[in-house]
């Protein structure tokens, strides 16, 4: 649990980076290739890190 904030930052930064790249790819014809490669990869990385992140235990 020591690195939870770093992992959360990586997840959110990947999501926002992908969202910005998506907006640019939709607006700029030269960035369309990112729709098939970079953008899905960033969302996938964010999902994998979210899935693998240690879950906090509820204290009783």
N, C-alpha and C. Protein backbone atom coordinates (compact mmCIF):
# COMPACT_ATOMS: atom_id res chain seq x y z
N UNK A 1 0.81 -1.19 0.00
CA UNK A 1 0.00 0.00 0.00
C UNK A 1 0.86 1.26 0.00
N UNK A 2 2.17 1.08 0.04
CA UNK A 2 3.06 2.23 0.14
C UNK A 2 3.07 3.07 -1.14
N UNK A 3 2.82 2.45 -2.26
CA UNK A 3 2.92 3.17 -3.54
C UNK A 3 1.56 3.39 -4.20
N UNK A 4 0.51 3.34 -3.41
CA UNK A 4 -0.84 3.48 -3.96
C UNK A 4 -1.05 4.81 -4.66
N UNK A 5 -0.57 5.89 -4.08
CA UNK A 5 -0.78 7.21 -4.70
C UNK A 5 -0.03 7.31 -6.03
N UNK A 6 1.13 6.71 -6.12
CA UNK A 6 1.89 6.71 -7.38
C UNK A 6 1.16 5.90 -8.45
N UNK A 7 0.62 4.76 -8.06
CA UNK A 7 -0.13 3.94 -9.01
C UNK A 7 -1.39 4.66 -9.46
N UNK A 8 -2.10 5.28 -8.52
CA UNK A 8 -3.30 6.04 -8.88
C UNK A 8 -2.97 7.19 -9.82
N UNK A 9 -1.86 7.88 -9.56
CA UNK A 9 -1.44 8.96 -10.46
C UNK A 9 -1.18 8.43 -11.86
N UNK A 10 -0.52 7.28 -11.97
CA UNK A 10 -0.22 6.70 -13.27
C UNK A 10 -1.51 6.33 -14.00
N UNK A 11 -2.48 5.80 -13.27
CA UNK A 11 -3.76 5.43 -13.89
C UNK A 11 -4.46 6.67 -14.43
N UNK A 12 -4.61 7.71 -13.58
CA UNK A 12 -5.30 8.92 -14.01
C UNK A 12 -4.55 9.66 -15.11
N UNK A 13 -3.23 9.69 -15.03
CA UNK A 13 -2.47 10.39 -16.08
C UNK A 13 -2.60 9.67 -17.42
N UNK A 14 -2.66 8.35 -17.40
CA UNK A 14 -2.85 7.59 -18.64
C UNK A 14 -4.23 7.86 -19.24
N UNK A 15 -5.24 7.90 -18.38
CA UNK A 15 -6.60 8.17 -18.87
C UNK A 15 -6.70 9.56 -19.48
N UNK A 16 -6.18 10.57 -18.78
CA UNK A 16 -6.25 11.93 -19.30
C UNK A 16 -5.39 12.12 -20.55
N UNK A 17 -4.23 11.48 -20.58
CA UNK A 17 -3.38 11.55 -21.77
C UNK A 17 -4.10 10.95 -22.96
N UNK A 18 -4.73 9.79 -22.75
CA UNK A 18 -5.48 9.16 -23.84
C UNK A 18 -6.65 10.01 -24.29
N UNK A 19 -7.33 10.66 -23.34
CA UNK A 19 -8.47 11.51 -23.70
C UNK A 19 -8.02 12.72 -24.52
N UNK A 20 -6.91 13.31 -24.15
CA UNK A 20 -6.39 14.45 -24.91
C UNK A 20 -5.95 14.00 -26.31
N UNK A 21 -5.28 12.85 -26.37
CA UNK A 21 -4.87 12.33 -27.68
C UNK A 21 -6.08 11.99 -28.54
N UNK A 22 -7.16 11.50 -27.92
CA UNK A 22 -8.39 11.20 -28.66
C UNK A 22 -8.98 12.47 -29.26
N UNK A 23 -9.04 13.53 -28.47
CA UNK A 23 -9.57 14.79 -28.98
C UNK A 23 -8.71 15.32 -30.13
N UNK A 24 -7.40 15.21 -30.00
CA UNK A 24 -6.51 15.67 -31.06
C UNK A 24 -6.65 14.80 -32.31
N UNK A 25 -6.81 13.50 -32.13
CA UNK A 25 -6.94 12.60 -33.27
C UNK A 25 -8.24 12.86 -34.03
N UNK A 26 -9.28 13.22 -33.31
CA UNK A 26 -10.55 13.51 -33.97
C UNK A 26 -10.51 14.86 -34.69
N UNK A 27 -9.70 15.78 -34.19
CA UNK A 27 -9.63 17.12 -34.77
C UNK A 27 -8.60 17.24 -35.88
N UNK A 28 -7.54 16.45 -35.84
CA UNK A 28 -6.42 16.59 -36.77
C UNK A 28 -6.26 15.31 -37.60
N UNK A 29 -6.35 15.46 -38.88
CA UNK A 29 -6.26 14.31 -39.79
C UNK A 29 -4.94 13.56 -39.68
N UNK A 30 -3.86 14.27 -39.36
CA UNK A 30 -2.55 13.62 -39.30
C UNK A 30 -2.39 12.75 -38.04
N UNK A 31 -3.29 12.86 -37.09
CA UNK A 31 -3.19 12.10 -35.85
C UNK A 31 -4.13 10.90 -35.81
N UNK A 32 -4.78 10.57 -36.93
CA UNK A 32 -5.76 9.48 -36.96
C UNK A 32 -5.16 8.13 -36.62
N UNK A 33 -3.89 7.90 -36.90
CA UNK A 33 -3.25 6.62 -36.61
C UNK A 33 -3.25 6.32 -35.11
N UNK A 34 -3.27 7.35 -34.30
CA UNK A 34 -3.28 7.14 -32.84
C UNK A 34 -4.56 6.46 -32.36
N UNK A 35 -5.64 6.55 -33.16
CA UNK A 35 -6.89 5.91 -32.77
C UNK A 35 -6.76 4.40 -32.70
N UNK A 36 -5.86 3.84 -33.47
CA UNK A 36 -5.71 2.38 -33.51
C UNK A 36 -4.59 1.85 -32.63
N UNK A 37 -3.66 2.70 -32.23
CA UNK A 37 -2.51 2.21 -31.50
C UNK A 37 -2.32 2.81 -30.14
N UNK A 38 -1.94 4.06 -30.11
CA UNK A 38 -1.54 4.70 -28.86
C UNK A 38 -2.69 4.87 -27.87
N UNK A 39 -3.83 5.31 -28.35
CA UNK A 39 -4.95 5.61 -27.46
C UNK A 39 -5.49 4.35 -26.78
N UNK A 40 -5.78 3.28 -27.54
CA UNK A 40 -6.21 2.05 -26.86
C UNK A 40 -5.15 1.49 -25.91
N UNK A 41 -3.88 1.64 -26.27
CA UNK A 41 -2.80 1.14 -25.42
C UNK A 41 -2.78 1.88 -24.08
N UNK A 42 -2.98 3.19 -24.10
CA UNK A 42 -2.99 3.96 -22.86
C UNK A 42 -4.18 3.56 -21.97
N UNK A 43 -5.35 3.37 -22.59
CA UNK A 43 -6.50 2.93 -21.81
C UNK A 43 -6.27 1.52 -21.26
N UNK A 44 -5.64 0.65 -22.03
CA UNK A 44 -5.34 -0.70 -21.58
C UNK A 44 -4.36 -0.69 -20.41
N UNK A 45 -3.33 0.12 -20.50
CA UNK A 45 -2.35 0.23 -19.41
C UNK A 45 -3.04 0.72 -18.14
N UNK A 46 -3.90 1.72 -18.27
CA UNK A 46 -4.62 2.24 -17.11
C UNK A 46 -5.49 1.15 -16.49
N UNK A 47 -6.19 0.39 -17.32
CA UNK A 47 -7.05 -0.68 -16.81
C UNK A 47 -6.24 -1.77 -16.12
N UNK A 48 -5.13 -2.17 -16.72
CA UNK A 48 -4.31 -3.23 -16.13
C UNK A 48 -3.77 -2.79 -14.77
N UNK A 49 -3.26 -1.57 -14.68
CA UNK A 49 -2.75 -1.09 -13.40
C UNK A 49 -3.86 -0.97 -12.36
N UNK A 50 -5.05 -0.54 -12.79
CA UNK A 50 -6.18 -0.47 -11.87
C UNK A 50 -6.54 -1.86 -11.37
N UNK A 51 -6.57 -2.84 -12.26
CA UNK A 51 -6.93 -4.20 -11.91
C UNK A 51 -5.90 -4.83 -10.97
N UNK A 52 -4.63 -4.56 -11.20
CA UNK A 52 -3.57 -5.16 -10.41
C UNK A 52 -3.25 -4.40 -9.13
N UNK A 53 -3.81 -3.21 -8.97
CA UNK A 53 -3.52 -2.41 -7.79
C UNK A 53 -4.04 -3.13 -6.55
N UNK A 54 -3.24 -3.16 -5.50
CA UNK A 54 -3.69 -3.83 -4.27
C UNK A 54 -4.96 -3.17 -3.73
N UNK A 55 -5.89 -4.01 -3.36
CA UNK A 55 -7.14 -3.51 -2.80
C UNK A 55 -6.94 -3.23 -1.32
N UNK A 56 -7.55 -2.17 -0.84
CA UNK A 56 -7.44 -1.82 0.58
C UNK A 56 -8.31 -2.77 1.39
N UNK A 57 -7.79 -3.22 2.47
CA UNK A 57 -8.55 -4.10 3.36
C UNK A 57 -9.38 -3.24 4.30
N UNK A 58 -10.62 -3.64 4.45
CA UNK A 58 -11.49 -2.94 5.39
C UNK A 58 -11.17 -3.43 6.79
N UNK A 59 -10.93 -2.49 7.67
CA UNK A 59 -10.62 -2.85 9.05
C UNK A 59 -11.93 -3.01 9.82
N UNK A 60 -11.97 -4.05 10.61
CA UNK A 60 -13.20 -4.35 11.37
C UNK A 60 -13.17 -3.71 12.73
